[in-house]
């Protein structure tokens, strides 16, 4: 069962990545682009975890944790910049 579900899930997450890239490029304003970037890193995180499951390696899970932390910090910094005009007070 996992042999069928894993490739299908990887394909669907890859499609979500492509659609998020489209929203990031075409997005009507800056908050929509920040949301697209946030969703993009979450989908990249899911794809890395799925690839880690498919090759049975823990290294991918460690990379996913690093991407999660960097993505969160990046999203907070961009939102703060949009709200106040500067990141550091």
Protein backbone atom coordinates (compact mmCIF):
# COMPACT_ATOMS: atom_id res chain seq x y z
CA UNK A 1 0.00 0.00 0.00
CA UNK A 2 2.78 2.44 0.86
CA UNK A 3 4.41 1.67 -2.50
CA UNK A 4 1.39 3.21 -4.21
CA UNK A 5 0.59 6.00 -1.76
CA UNK A 6 4.12 7.44 -1.54
CA UNK A 7 4.63 8.27 -5.25
CA UNK A 8 1.10 9.68 -5.50
CA UNK A 9 1.68 11.88 -2.46
CA UNK A 10 5.04 13.07 -3.80
CA UNK A 11 3.38 13.98 -7.11
CA UNK A 12 0.58 15.90 -5.39
CA UNK A 13 2.95 17.80 -3.11
CA UNK A 14 5.08 18.65 -6.16
CA UNK A 15 1.97 19.99 -7.88
CA UNK A 16 1.25 22.10 -4.80
CA UNK A 17 4.82 23.45 -4.97
CA UNK A 18 4.30 24.49 -8.58
CA UNK A 19 1.01 26.19 -7.78
CA UNK A 20 2.62 28.03 -4.86
CA UNK A 21 5.40 29.25 -7.12
CA UNK A 22 2.75 30.61 -9.46
CA UNK A 23 1.07 32.45 -6.56
CA UNK A 24 4.43 33.77 -5.40
CA UNK A 25 5.23 35.22 -8.82
CA UNK A 26 1.75 36.42 -9.84
CA UNK A 27 0.39 37.32 -6.37
CA UNK A 28 -1.56 40.58 -6.39
CA UNK A 29 0.10 42.16 -3.35
CA UNK A 30 2.87 41.62 -0.81
CA UNK A 31 0.87 39.83 1.93
CA UNK A 32 -0.33 37.25 -0.62
CA UNK A 33 3.25 36.69 -1.70
CA UNK A 34 4.40 36.22 1.89
CA UNK A 35 1.64 33.68 2.45
CA UNK A 36 2.65 31.89 -0.75
CA UNK A 37 6.26 31.81 0.45
CA UNK A 38 5.15 30.42 3.82
CA UNK A 39 3.09 27.70 2.13
CA UNK A 40 5.96 27.03 -0.26
CA UNK A 41 8.38 26.20 2.51
CA UNK A 42 5.78 24.02 4.24
CA UNK A 43 5.26 22.07 1.01
CA UNK A 44 9.02 21.78 0.54
CA UNK A 45 9.21 20.48 4.08
CA UNK A 46 6.56 17.85 3.33
CA UNK A 47 8.36 16.84 0.13
CA UNK A 48 11.67 16.41 1.96
CA UNK A 49 10.00 14.29 4.64
CA UNK A 50 8.34 12.14 1.98
CA UNK A 51 11.65 11.67 0.20
CA UNK A 52 13.24 10.74 3.52
CA UNK A 53 10.55 8.11 4.04
CA UNK A 54 11.04 6.73 0.54
CA UNK A 55 14.81 6.28 0.92
CA UNK A 56 14.61 5.41 4.64
CA UNK A 57 17.13 8.03 5.76
CA UNK A 58 17.07 10.19 8.88
CA UNK A 59 19.23 12.84 7.22
CA UNK A 60 16.21 14.17 5.35
CA UNK A 61 14.30 14.62 8.58
CA UNK A 62 17.12 16.72 10.03
CA UNK A 63 17.13 18.85 6.89
CA UNK A 64 13.36 19.26 7.23
CA UNK A 65 13.78 20.55 10.78
CA UNK A 66 16.32 23.12 9.62
CA UNK A 67 14.04 24.27 6.81
CA UNK A 68 11.13 24.56 9.26
CA UNK A 69 13.09 26.82 11.61
CA UNK A 70 14.48 28.99 8.80
CA UNK A 71 11.09 29.25 7.13
CA UNK A 72 9.41 30.36 10.35
CA UNK A 73 12.05 32.99 11.05
CA UNK A 74 11.88 34.22 7.46
CA UNK A 75 8.09 34.51 7.52
CA UNK A 76 8.13 36.42 10.80
CA UNK A 77 10.83 38.77 9.52
CA UNK A 78 8.98 39.48 6.28
CA UNK A 79 5.70 40.09 8.09
CA UNK A 80 7.40 42.43 10.54
CA UNK A 81 9.06 44.29 7.68
CA UNK A 82 5.71 44.70 5.93
CA UNK A 83 4.02 45.96 9.08
CA UNK A 84 6.69 48.36 10.39
CA UNK A 85 9.10 48.97 7.53
CA UNK A 86 12.07 47.52 9.40
CA UNK A 87 12.96 44.18 10.89
CA UNK A 88 15.21 45.30 13.73
CA UNK A 89 13.88 47.96 16.06
